[in-house]
């Protein structure tokens, strides 16, 4: 047995076959839900895996997942790793041109997709010649054009395969690809060896406790640990955060809950009903409507089971965190730091936020380095966050970007150079300044959007905000803020916002351009869309 995700999952299944593994609520409030034990989820994944094998999907070939959150999503991911195929996540917001790019860039040979997306798949398929096998969940609209490759209904595909295993030997080198769009540019496929992903992003490295020393030890820990934890990844599974959280839950032998789409009020009702212990989400965009609901129509919701709410991919603002802690005082609120390229790097310190910045206690494999020399920077100097050891192999189909991001040191150890700029203090605590690609150079001074956004969110009438640089004849670029005011608040003015910022920020960081909007555009998981913010700010 190796550190292979399918081997590890099957070892947990064999240890706790009758324990509940997955609860999916398709339409919250309707009562429609599916519950699968570990044995039932394993059998379902086996059936689909055998179908994919019979359809000619070979080890190393790529299978796209173009789905909303559903049982079929995690079932397919497990089916892929069982036959050594590579699951590839696809953003369900993509339209034809973006789909064509990803289908071709990822070299997809098979695709599992939601019937709602049938017209997009039909339009993109002729330009993706390697894509030869389609499986569709649900029923398409009567007038939807059919793809040139006839899709197999998911139920039919599943029914055609055996529920037993009987798969070949697997390897720790088998791959798992996570496509990440970041905040700019076309998506990139991060290639992980499964062993590296297990230790960096799936609990094997044990951020709390001892790392797993043998593959067999995972099931031994499950047998000794009992049950009672309930993991609730609330973002779309198409984003790495939610899928990895689900796999962490499976690796611990615990229950995982998913909703088809994020509806904050229904998330809270599920927390109370299922006694959820851990929620994962992405930033203020997801937590804020939950806090609003707890302060309003769902103020009596029982959240006493919650042990932790963790955010990754976007930092929770200090003002929102304070509101949440007042409502759910016994729950830990965690700002986790990590990425698709590094897995888990660390967690924000208790004194993180505000004027102190985003301070992170990082793991021993993470440091701040000079991007040119890759040498550690002295305390107080700005560098880039890097991680060594269990890191990805590179970006799929992009050797140039891989060479810029991944490197090997003189001792042969692999490193990933992240896009986050940071400093480190004498005690090893890292202060993350922001993404270097978003840094605004205004008159020679560097301004990181995250710092300005944090200051603006401290204003009681600011609901959400993004900060970007826009061209300026005198300064090269100037700081611009796109603000969504809080519903029912008194009208905001640019002058009021700027006056508020002067008590939090140096003068050169204060937004010179302020644009108000009815809605801040973010990804489905809550990540910032800085391209959109730049366009809106430039027009303002």
Protein backbone atom coordinates (compact mmCIF):
# COMPACT_ATOMS: atom_id res chain seq x y z
CA UNK A 1 0.00 0.00 0.00
CA UNK A 2 1.27 3.49 -0.90
CA UNK A 3 0.20 7.05 -0.18
CA UNK A 4 -2.38 6.83 -2.94
CA UNK A 5 -5.76 8.53 -2.47
CA UNK A 6 -7.77 5.51 -3.63
CA UNK A 7 -5.78 3.09 -1.47
CA UNK A 8 -6.15 5.36 1.55
CA UNK A 9 -9.89 5.82 0.99
CA UNK A 10 -10.46 2.09 0.62
CA UNK A 11 -8.53 1.43 3.83
CA UNK A 12 -10.91 3.79 5.66
CA UNK A 13 -13.95 2.14 4.03
CA UNK A 14 -12.80 -1.28 5.19
CA UNK A 15 -12.37 0.07 8.72
CA UNK A 16 -15.73 1.87 9.12
CA UNK A 17 -17.96 0.58 6.27
CA UNK A 18 -21.26 1.34 8.02
CA UNK A 19 -20.35 4.84 9.16
CA UNK A 20 -22.10 7.70 7.33
CA UNK A 21 -19.70 9.25 4.81
CA UNK A 22 -21.63 11.73 2.68
CA UNK A 23 -24.87 13.67 3.00
CA UNK A 24 -25.88 15.72 -0.02
CA UNK A 25 -28.80 18.14 0.01
CA UNK A 26 -29.70 18.99 -3.57
CA UNK A 27 -32.35 21.63 -2.95
CA UNK A 28 -32.14 22.86 0.66
CA UNK A 29 -35.55 23.15 2.27
CA UNK A 30 -37.14 20.57 -0.06
CA UNK A 31 -36.25 17.57 2.08
CA UNK A 32 -34.52 15.95 -0.92
CA UNK A 33 -31.24 14.49 0.28
CA UNK A 34 -28.96 11.51 -0.28
CA UNK A 35 -27.09 9.72 2.49
CA UNK A 36 -24.31 7.23 1.79
CA UNK A 37 -22.25 5.15 4.18
CA UNK A 38 -18.58 4.59 3.45
CA UNK A 39 -19.42 1.17 1.96
CA UNK A 40 -22.16 2.65 -0.22
CA UNK A 41 -19.97 5.51 -1.47
CA UNK A 42 -17.16 3.05 -2.22
CA UNK A 43 -19.50 0.77 -4.19
CA UNK A 44 -20.92 3.72 -6.14
CA UNK A 45 -17.41 4.91 -7.05
CA UNK A 46 -16.44 1.35 -8.05
CA UNK A 47 -19.39 1.07 -10.43
CA UNK A 48 -18.49 4.32 -12.19
CA UNK A 49 -14.79 3.42 -12.24
CA UNK A 50 -15.52 0.13 -14.02
CA UNK A 51 -17.71 1.97 -16.53
CA UNK A 52 -14.91 4.43 -17.30
CA UNK A 53 -12.46 1.55 -17.75
CA UNK A 54 -14.90 -0.23 -20.08
CA UNK A 55 -15.27 3.04 -22.04
CA UNK A 56 -11.52 3.03 -22.66
CA UNK A 57 -10.34 5.57 -20.08
CA UNK A 58 -6.75 4.59 -19.31
CA UNK A 59 -4.38 5.37 -16.39
CA UNK A 60 -3.04 8.88 -16.68
CA UNK A 61 -5.87 10.13 -18.92
CA UNK A 62 -7.82 13.19 -17.83
CA UNK A 63 -11.51 13.23 -16.89
CA UNK A 64 -13.34 16.56 -16.57
CA UNK A 65 -15.88 17.30 -13.82
CA UNK A 66 -18.27 20.01 -15.03
CA UNK A 67 -20.85 19.84 -12.25
CA UNK A 68 -22.54 21.68 -9.45
CA UNK A 69 -22.01 20.18 -5.99
CA UNK A 70 -23.54 16.70 -6.00
CA UNK A 71 -22.86 13.13 -4.93
CA UNK A 72 -21.73 12.44 -8.49
CA UNK A 73 -18.90 14.96 -8.16
CA UNK A 74 -17.12 13.21 -5.30
CA UNK A 75 -18.14 9.80 -6.65
CA UNK A 76 -16.44 10.65 -9.95
CA UNK A 77 -13.30 11.98 -8.28
CA UNK A 78 -13.00 8.73 -6.33
CA UNK A 79 -13.74 6.65 -9.42
CA UNK A 80 -10.94 8.39 -11.30
CA UNK A 81 -8.28 7.80 -8.66
CA UNK A 82 -9.39 4.17 -8.35
CA UNK A 83 -8.47 3.50 -12.01
CA UNK A 84 -5.47 5.89 -11.94
CA UNK A 85 -7.21 8.40 -14.21
CA UNK A 86 -6.80 12.09 -13.35
CA UNK A 87 -9.86 14.12 -12.25
CA UNK A 88 -9.90 17.70 -13.55
CA UNK A 89 -12.16 20.36 -12.02
CA UNK A 90 -14.04 22.72 -14.35
CA UNK A 91 -15.54 26.05 -13.33
CA UNK A 92 -19.28 25.78 -13.97
CA UNK A 93 -19.42 29.47 -14.90
CA UNK A 94 -17.29 28.91 -17.97
CA UNK A 95 -18.92 29.59 -21.31
CA UNK A 96 -18.01 28.22 -24.73
CA UNK A 97 -14.62 29.86 -25.36
CA UNK A 98 -13.37 29.21 -21.82
CA UNK A 99 -14.54 25.60 -22.04
CA UNK A 100 -12.75 25.10 -25.34
CA UNK A 101 -9.57 26.44 -23.78
CA UNK A 102 -9.78 24.15 -20.75
CA UNK A 103 -10.92 21.04 -22.67
CA UNK A 104 -7.90 21.43 -24.95
CA UNK A 105 -5.38 22.63 -22.37
CA UNK A 106 -6.23 19.74 -20.03
CA UNK A 107 -6.33 17.15 -22.85
CA UNK A 108 -9.63 15.80 -21.57
CA UNK A 109 -10.67 12.38 -22.90
CA UNK A 110 -13.89 12.05 -20.86
CA UNK A 111 -16.33 14.51 -19.32
CA UNK A 112 -19.02 14.19 -16.65
CA UNK A 113 -21.35 17.19 -16.87
CA UNK A 114 -24.64 18.56 -15.56
CA UNK A 115 -27.55 18.51 -18.03
CA UNK A 116 -27.95 22.27 -17.54
CA UNK A 117 -24.64 22.76 -19.36
CA UNK A 118 -25.60 20.68 -22.41
CA UNK A 119 -25.71 23.65 -24.86
CA UNK A 120 -22.23 24.80 -23.79
CA UNK A 121 -20.77 21.32 -24.09
CA UNK A 122 -22.40 20.83 -27.51
CA UNK A 123 -20.90 24.12 -28.73
CA UNK A 124 -17.39 23.47 -27.39
CA UNK A 125 -17.04 19.78 -28.26
CA UNK A 126 -16.18 20.12 -31.97
CA UNK A 127 -13.00 22.01 -31.03
CA UNK A 128 -11.90 19.42 -28.43
CA UNK A 129 -10.96 16.42 -30.60
CA UNK A 130 -9.51 14.31 -27.76
CA UNK A 131 -12.78 14.38 -25.80
CA UNK A 132 -14.42 11.10 -26.77
CA UNK A 133 -16.68 10.00 -23.89
CA UNK A 134 -19.49 11.98 -22.21
CA UNK A 135 -21.60 11.19 -19.15
CA UNK A 136 -24.50 13.47 -18.24
CA UNK A 137 -26.32 13.90 -14.94
CA UNK A 138 -29.99 14.90 -15.06
CA UNK A 139 -32.18 15.67 -18.07
CA UNK A 140 -31.46 18.51 -20.52
CA UNK A 141 -34.05 21.01 -21.66
CA UNK A 142 -36.22 19.73 -24.51
CA UNK A 143 -34.77 22.25 -26.96
CA UNK A 144 -31.13 21.80 -25.91
CA UNK A 145 -28.81 20.86 -28.80
CA UNK A 146 -27.27 17.41 -28.37
CA UNK A 147 -23.45 17.10 -28.41
CA UNK A 148 -21.86 15.37 -31.38
CA UNK A 149 -20.75 12.59 -29.00
CA UNK A 150 -23.88 11.04 -27.49
CA UNK A 151 -23.80 11.40 -23.68
CA UNK A 152 -24.40 8.34 -21.51
CA UNK A 153 -26.92 9.02 -18.72
CA UNK A 154 -25.09 8.91 -15.39
CA UNK A 155 -27.50 6.35 -13.91
CA UNK A 156 -26.92 4.08 -16.91
CA UNK A 157 -23.14 4.46 -16.65
CA UNK A 158 -23.21 3.64 -12.95
CA UNK A 159 -25.52 0.65 -13.41
CA UNK A 160 -23.24 -0.86 -16.05
CA UNK A 161 -20.28 -1.31 -13.71
CA UNK A 162 -19.55 -3.80 -10.96
CA UNK A 163 -19.76 -2.63 -7.33
CA UNK A 164 -16.64 -4.64 -6.48
CA UNK A 165 -13.08 -3.40 -6.72
CA UNK A 166 -10.71 -5.57 -8.73
CA UNK A 167 -8.53 -2.66 -9.84
CA UNK A 168 -4.83 -2.78 -10.65
CA UNK A 169 -1.95 -1.69 -8.45
CA UNK A 170 -1.73 2.05 -7.87
CA UNK A 171 1.13 4.41 -7.10
CA UNK A 172 1.96 7.38 -4.92
CA UNK A 173 3.04 9.02 -8.19
CA UNK A 174 -0.51 8.94 -9.60
CA UNK A 175 -1.63 12.49 -10.31
CA UNK A 176 -4.43 14.77 -9.18
CA UNK A 177 -4.84 18.04 -11.09
CA UNK A 178 -6.42 21.19 -9.67
CA UNK A 179 -7.17 23.92 -12.20
CA UNK A 180 -6.90 27.33 -10.61
CA UNK A 181 -7.89 30.62 -12.18
CA UNK A 182 -6.43 32.79 -9.43
CA UNK A 183 -7.41 36.43 -9.83
CA UNK A 184 -5.97 37.08 -13.30
CA UNK A 185 -5.22 35.19 -16.51
CA UNK A 186 -6.39 31.87 -17.92
CA UNK A 187 -6.68 28.88 -15.57
CA UNK A 188 -3.62 26.72 -14.92
CA UNK A 189 -3.64 23.02 -14.04
CA UNK A 190 -1.60 22.35 -10.90
CA UNK A 191 -0.15 18.83 -11.13
CA UNK A 192 0.11 17.06 -7.79
CA UNK A 193 1.56 13.66 -7.03
CA UNK A 194 -1.03 12.09 -4.76
CA UNK A 195 1.50 11.47 -1.98
CA UNK A 196 2.52 15.14 -2.02
CA UNK A 197 -1.11 16.27 -2.00
CA UNK A 198 -1.87 13.96 0.94
CA UNK A 199 0.89 15.51 3.05
CA UNK A 200 0.39 19.12 1.96
CA UNK A 201 -3.36 19.49 1.61
CA UNK A 202 -5.23 16.45 2.91
CA UNK A 203 -4.25 16.12 6.55
CA UNK A 204 -1.36 13.68 6.18
CA UNK A 205 1.08 16.32 7.36
CA UNK A 206 -1.17 16.87 10.40
CA UNK A 207 -1.23 20.64 11.04
CA UNK A 208 -2.23 19.57 14.55
CA UNK A 209 -0.77 16.35 15.88
CA UNK A 210 1.79 13.94 14.41
CA UNK A 211 2.20 13.34 10.67
CA UNK A 212 1.12 9.97 9.29
CA UNK A 213 4.23 7.76 9.16
CA UNK A 214 2.83 4.74 7.25
CA UNK A 215 -0.08 4.51 4.78
CA UNK A 216 -1.69 1.83 6.97
CA UNK A 217 -1.62 4.21 9.91
CA UNK A 218 -4.46 6.33 8.47
CA UNK A 219 -7.04 3.56 8.95
CA UNK A 220 -5.59 2.73 12.36
CA UNK A 221 -6.20 6.31 13.45
CA UNK A 222 -9.75 6.18 12.11
CA UNK A 223 -10.42 2.99 14.06
CA UNK A 224 -9.04 4.50 17.26
CA UNK A 225 -10.58 7.95 16.90
CA UNK A 226 -14.31 7.30 16.76
CA UNK A 227 -16.81 9.49 14.96
CA UNK A 228 -18.66 12.75 15.60
CA UNK A 229 -16.94 15.28 13.35
CA UNK A 230 -19.08 16.74 10.56
CA UNK A 231 -17.25 18.59 7.75
CA UNK A 232 -19.27 21.07 5.69
CA UNK A 233 -17.38 22.51 2.69
CA UNK A 234 -19.72 25.28 1.53
CA UNK A 235 -17.91 26.55 -1.62
CA UNK A 236 -18.35 24.81 -4.98
CA UNK A 237 -16.50 21.49 -5.22
CA UNK A 238 -15.06 22.75 -8.52
CA UNK A 239 -12.68 24.83 -6.36
CA UNK A 240 -9.82 23.05 -4.64
CA UNK A 241 -10.79 24.21 -1.15
CA UNK A 242 -14.08 22.29 -1.08
CA UNK A 243 -12.86 19.09 -2.73
CA UNK A 244 -9.78 18.91 -0.50
CA UNK A 245 -11.91 19.54 2.59
CA UNK A 246 -14.15 16.65 1.55
CA UNK A 247 -11.16 14.34 1.15
CA UNK A 248 -9.85 15.42 4.56
CA UNK A 249 -13.20 14.42 6.04
CA UNK A 250 -12.96 11.01 4.32
CA UNK A 251 -9.36 10.55 5.50
CA UNK A 252 -10.56 11.12 9.07
CA UNK A 253 -13.44 8.67 8.57
CA UNK A 254 -15.99 11.36 9.34
CA UNK A 255 -19.18 12.73 7.76
CA UNK A 256 -19.05 15.23 4.87
CA UNK A 257 -22.04 17.41 3.94
CA UNK A 258 -22.57 19.25 0.66
CA UNK A 259 -25.27 21.52 -0.79
CA UNK A 260 -25.84 21.91 -4.53
CA UNK A 261 -25.42 25.68 -4.24
CA UNK A 262 -24.48 28.08 -1.48
CA UNK A 263 -27.54 29.53 0.26
CA UNK A 264 -26.40 31.02 3.61
CA UNK A 265 -29.73 30.60 5.39
CA UNK A 266 -29.89 26.93 4.39
CA UNK A 267 -26.29 26.41 5.47
CA UNK A 268 -27.27 27.56 8.97
CA UNK A 269 -30.32 25.30 9.03
CA UNK A 270 -28.11 22.36 8.05
CA UNK A 271 -25.61 23.26 10.78
CA UNK A 272 -28.40 22.96 13.34
CA UNK A 273 -29.97 19.81 11.86
CA UNK A 274 -26.78 17.83 11.21
CA UNK A 275 -24.78 19.13 14.19
CA UNK A 276 -22.01 20.39 11.91
CA UNK A 277 -18.66 20.81 13.67
CA UNK A 278 -16.54 22.40 10.90
CA UNK A 279 -17.42 24.78 8.07
CA UNK A 280 -15.00 25.81 5.34
CA UNK A 281 -15.69 28.89 3.21
CA UNK A 282 -13.94 31.65 1.30
CA UNK A 283 -13.74 35.10 2.82
CA UNK A 284 -16.24 37.78 3.76
CA UNK A 285 -18.37 37.18 0.67
CA UNK A 286 -19.51 33.85 2.12
CA UNK A 287 -19.41 34.58 5.86
CA UNK A 288 -21.09 38.00 5.76
CA UNK A 289 -24.54 36.80 4.59
CA UNK A 290 -24.41 34.08 7.26
CA UNK A 291 -23.70 36.70 9.93
CA UNK A 292 -26.50 38.89 8.56
CA UNK A 293 -28.90 35.94 8.82
CA UNK A 294 -27.79 35.13 12.38
CA UNK A 295 -28.35 38.75 13.37
CA UNK A 296 -31.75 38.76 11.67
CA UNK A 297 -34.22 36.10 10.54
CA UNK A 298 -32.18 33.11 11.82
CA UNK A 299 -30.99 34.63 15.10
CA UNK A 300 -32.25 31.63 17.11
CA UNK A 301 -30.40 29.02 15.01
CA UNK A 302 -28.54 26.48 17.14
CA UNK A 303 -24.87 26.73 16.18
CA UNK A 304 -23.58 25.19 19.41
CA UNK A 305 -22.09 22.19 17.56
CA UNK A 306 -19.73 24.42 15.55
CA UNK A 307 -16.13 23.99 16.60
CA UNK A 308 -14.46 25.86 13.73
CA UNK A 309 -15.18 28.03 10.71
CA UNK A 310 -12.18 28.33 8.42
CA UNK A 311 -11.56 30.60 5.46
CA UNK A 312 -8.97 30.02 2.76
CA UNK A 313 -8.45 31.82 -0.53
CA UNK A 314 -9.61 35.16 0.94
CA UNK A 315 -8.98 36.84 4.28
CA UNK A 316 -11.84 37.45 6.69
CA UNK A 317 -11.99 41.10 7.75
CA UNK A 318 -11.51 42.00 11.40
CA UNK A 319 -14.86 43.78 11.70
CA UNK A 320 -16.83 40.81 10.32
CA UNK A 321 -14.89 38.37 12.48
CA UNK A 322 -15.84 40.38 15.58
CA UNK A 323 -19.53 40.22 14.63
CA UNK A 324 -19.36 36.45 14.15
CA UNK A 325 -17.54 35.81 17.42
CA UNK A 326 -20.24 37.73 19.28
CA UNK A 327 -22.91 35.49 17.74
CA UNK A 328 -21.07 32.15 18.06
CA UNK A 329 -18.60 32.73 20.90
CA UNK A 330 -17.45 29.12 21.34
CA UNK A 331 -16.45 28.62 17.69
CA UNK A 332 -12.89 29.15 16.44
CA UNK A 333 -12.67 31.44 13.43
CA UNK A 334 -9.61 30.53 11.36
CA UNK A 335 -7.95 32.46 8.57
CA UNK A 336 -5.99 29.71 6.84
CA UNK A 337 -3.19 30.53 4.42
CA UNK A 338 -2.57 28.28 1.44
CA UNK A 339 -3.15 27.83 -2.27
CA UNK A 340 -3.74 25.29 -5.01
CA UNK A 341 0.04 25.33 -5.57
CA UNK A 342 1.05 24.74 -1.95
CA UNK A 343 -1.78 23.17 -0.01
CA UNK A 344 -1.83 24.31 3.62
CA UNK A 345 0.87 26.77 4.72
CA UNK A 346 -0.38 28.02 8.08
CA UNK A 347 -3.04 29.80 10.11
CA UNK A 348 -3.34 33.46 11.07
CA UNK A 349 -2.18 34.39 14.57
CA UNK A 350 -4.67 35.50 17.22
CA UNK A 351 -3.45 39.10 16.90
CA UNK A 352 -3.67 39.12 13.08
CA UNK A 353 -5.66 41.82 11.31
CA UNK A 354 -6.10 45.56 11.25
CA UNK A 355 -2.96 47.67 11.37
CA UNK A 356 -0.90 44.58 12.26
CA UNK A 357 -1.64 42.97 8.90
CA UNK A 358 -2.29 39.34 8.04
CA UNK A 359 0.14 37.53 10.35
CA UNK A 360 0.58 33.78 9.85
CA UNK A 361 2.27 31.06 11.85
CA UNK A 362 3.58 28.95 8.99
CA UNK A 363 4.67 25.31 8.91
CA UNK A 364 8.33 24.40 8.95
CA UNK A 365 8.41 23.94 5.16
CA UNK A 366 7.35 27.53 4.42
CA UNK A 367 9.60 30.59 4.32
CA UNK A 368 9.96 34.03 2.72
CA UNK A 369 12.64 34.20 0.00
CA UNK A 370 14.18 36.62 -2.45
CA UNK A 371 12.41 35.80 -5.75
CA UNK A 372 15.63 36.27 -7.73
CA UNK A 373 18.07 34.27 -5.60
CA UNK A 374 15.62 32.01 -3.74
CA UNK A 375 17.56 32.75 -0.56
CA UNK A 376 15.69 33.56 2.70
CA UNK A 377 15.21 37.29 3.25
CA UNK A 378 16.32 38.93 6.51
CA UNK A 379 13.59 39.81 9.04
CA UNK A 380 11.61 42.85 7.92
CA UNK A 381 12.54 42.69 4.23
CA UNK A 382 9.92 41.96 1.58
CA UNK A 383 10.13 38.68 -0.31
CA UNK A 384 7.88 35.99 -1.73
CA UNK A 385 6.37 33.10 0.17
CA UNK A 386 7.85 29.75 -0.83
CA UNK A 387 7.32 26.16 0.29
CA UNK A 388 9.57 23.13 -0.03
CA UNK A 389 9.17 19.38 0.04
CA UNK A 390 5.71 18.06 -0.81
CA UNK A 391 4.90 20.51 -3.60
CA UNK A 392 3.36 20.08 -7.09
CA UNK A 393 5.27 18.90 -10.14
CA UNK A 394 4.33 22.04 -12.07
CA UNK A 395 1.57 23.39 -14.29
CA UNK A 396 0.13 21.04 -16.88
CA UNK A 397 1.01 22.02 -20.46
CA UNK A 398 2.84 25.18 -19.32
CA UNK A 399 6.62 24.64 -19.00
CA UNK A 400 7.33 28.40 -19.07
CA UNK A 401 5.07 29.21 -16.13
CA UNK A 402 6.25 26.07 -14.33
CA UNK A 403 9.86 27.22 -14.61
CA UNK A 404 8.90 30.60 -13.11
CA UNK A 405 7.03 29.08 -10.17
CA UNK A 406 8.71 25.76 -9.31
CA UNK A 407 12.41 25.21 -8.75
CA UNK A 408 14.89 22.77 -7.24
CA UNK A 409 17.62 23.77 -4.79
CA UNK A 410 21.23 22.57 -4.68
CA UNK A 411 20.21 19.63 -2.48
CA UNK A 412 17.62 18.47 -5.00
CA UNK A 413 14.66 19.58 -2.90
CA UNK A 414 11.62 20.84 -4.78
CA UNK A 415 10.16 24.29 -4.04
CA UNK A 416 7.15 26.32 -5.13
CA UNK A 417 7.38 30.11 -5.29
CA UNK A 418 3.98 31.58 -4.50
CA UNK A 419 2.62 34.90 -5.72
CA UNK A 420 2.20 36.28 -2.21
CA UNK A 421 4.58 38.99 -1.03
CA UNK A 422 5.45 38.94 2.67
CA UNK A 423 7.88 39.78 5.44
CA UNK A 424 9.02 37.59 8.32
CA UNK A 425 9.89 38.67 11.88
CA UNK A 426 12.57 37.40 14.28
CA UNK A 427 10.16 34.82 15.67
CA UNK A 428 9.37 33.34 12.26
CA UNK A 429 5.86 34.80 11.99
CA UNK A 430 5.07 35.78 8.40
CA UNK A 431 3.09 38.93 7.55
CA UNK A 432 1.42 38.44 4.16
CA UNK A 433 1.20 41.72 2.25
CA UNK A 434 -0.79 40.54 -0.76
CA UNK A 435 -0.44 39.12 -4.24
CA UNK A 436 2.50 40.61 -6.08
CA UNK A 437 0.53 40.59 -9.33
CA UNK A 438 -2.07 42.91 -7.76
CA UNK A 439 0.40 45.28 -6.10
CA UNK A 440 -0.28 48.91 -7.12
CA UNK A 441 2.80 51.03 -7.85
CA UNK A 442 1.72 54.63 -7.31
CA UNK A 443 4.51 57.18 -7.61
CA UNK A 444 7.06 54.55 -6.62
CA UNK A 445 5.16 53.51 -3.49
CA UNK A 446 3.77 49.97 -3.32
CA UNK A 447 0.18 49.47 -2.17
CA UNK A 448 -1.33 46.01 -1.61
CA UNK A 449 -5.10 45.93 -2.27
CA UNK A 450 -5.82 43.65 0.68
CA UNK A 451 -4.59 46.23 3.19
CA UNK A 452 -6.81 48.96 1.74
CA UNK A 453 -9.77 46.58 1.52
CA UNK A 454 -9.39 45.71 5.20
CA UNK A 455 -9.46 49.39 6.14
CA UNK A 456 -12.53 50.05 4.00
CA UNK A 457 -14.41 47.06 5.44
CA UNK A 458 -14.03 48.61 8.87
CA UNK A 459 -16.50 51.30 7.76
CA UNK A 460 -19.95 50.26 9.07
CA UNK A 461 -21.71 51.15 5.81
CA UNK A 462 -19.37 49.22 3.49
CA UNK A 463 -20.74 45.77 2.66
CA UNK A 464 -18.04 44.61 0.25
CA UNK A 465 -15.12 46.18 -1.62
CA UNK A 466 -12.36 45.47 -4.10
CA UNK A 467 -9.32 47.68 -4.63
CA UNK A 468 -7.31 47.90 -7.84
CA UNK A 469 -4.85 50.17 -9.59
CA UNK A 470 -5.95 52.30 -12.54
CA UNK A 471 -3.70 54.33 -14.87
CA UNK A 472 -2.76 57.84 -13.74
CA UNK A 473 -0.81 60.37 -15.84
CA UNK A 474 1.10 61.76 -12.86
CA UNK A 475 1.65 58.75 -10.59
CA UNK A 476 1.65 55.89 -13.13
CA UNK A 477 -1.21 54.25 -11.25
CA UNK A 478 -3.59 55.42 -8.53
CA UNK A 479 -5.49 53.46 -5.93
CA UNK A 480 -9.16 52.91 -6.81
CA UNK A 481 -11.91 51.31 -4.72
CA UNK A 482 -15.11 49.68 -5.98
CA UNK A 483 -17.57 49.63 -3.07
CA UNK A 484 -20.87 47.88 -2.49
CA UNK A 485 -22.69 49.83 0.27
CA UNK A 486 -24.66 48.03 2.94
CA UNK A 487 -28.38 47.76 2.22
CA UNK A 488 -30.38 50.35 4.13
CA UNK A 489 -27.32 52.43 5.03
CA UNK A 490 -27.17 56.19 4.61
CA UNK A 491 -25.79 57.19 1.19
CA UNK A 492 -21.99 56.98 1.09
CA UNK A 493 -19.77 59.58 -0.53
CA UNK A 494 -16.23 59.31 -1.79
CA UNK A 495 -15.19 62.01 0.67
CA UNK A 496 -16.60 60.08 3.64
CA UNK A 497 -14.80 56.92 2.57
CA UNK A 498 -11.50 58.75 2.09
CA UNK A 499 -11.85 60.50 5.45
CA UNK A 500 -12.43 57.12 7.12
CA UNK A 501 -9.29 55.69 5.46
CA UNK A 502 -7.09 58.51 6.75
CA UNK A 503 -7.41 57.11 10.27
CA UNK A 504 -6.18 53.68 9.10
CA UNK A 505 -3.76 54.22 6.21
CA UNK A 506 -0.84 56.32 5.03
CA UNK A 507 -1.86 59.07 2.63
CA UNK A 508 -0.55 57.39 -0.53
CA UNK A 509 -2.73 54.31 0.15
CA UNK A 510 -6.03 56.22 0.29
CA UNK A 511 -8.24 55.55 -2.76
CA UNK A 512 -8.19 58.52 -5.13
CA UNK A 513 -11.02 57.01 -7.16
CA UNK A 514 -14.11 55.63 -5.45
CA UNK A 515 -16.85 53.89 -7.45
CA UNK A 516 -20.09 52.64 -5.92
CA UNK A 517 -21.86 49.54 -7.28
CA UNK A 518 -24.91 47.48 -6.45
CA UNK A 519 -22.91 44.26 -6.44
CA UNK A 520 -19.26 43.24 -6.17
CA UNK A 521 -18.38 40.53 -8.68
CA UNK A 522 -16.57 37.53 -7.23
CA UNK A 523 -16.07 33.91 -8.23
CA UNK A 524 -18.65 31.37 -6.98
CA UNK A 525 -16.30 30.57 -4.08
CA UNK A 526 -15.90 34.22 -3.05
CA UNK A 527 -12.49 34.96 -4.59
CA UNK A 528 -11.87 38.49 -5.80
CA UNK A 529 -12.34 39.27 -9.50
CA UNK A 530 -9.72 41.98 -9.89
CA UNK A 531 -10.03 42.15 -13.67
CA UNK A 532 -13.66 43.18 -13.22
CA UNK A 533 -12.71 45.67 -10.49
CA UNK A 534 -10.09 47.31 -12.73
CA UNK A 535 -12.60 47.70 -15.55
CA UNK A 536 -15.27 49.20 -13.30
CA UNK A 537 -12.80 51.52 -11.57
CA UNK A 538 -11.34 52.72 -14.87
CA UNK A 539 -14.80 53.66 -16.12
CA UNK A 540 -15.53 55.46 -12.84
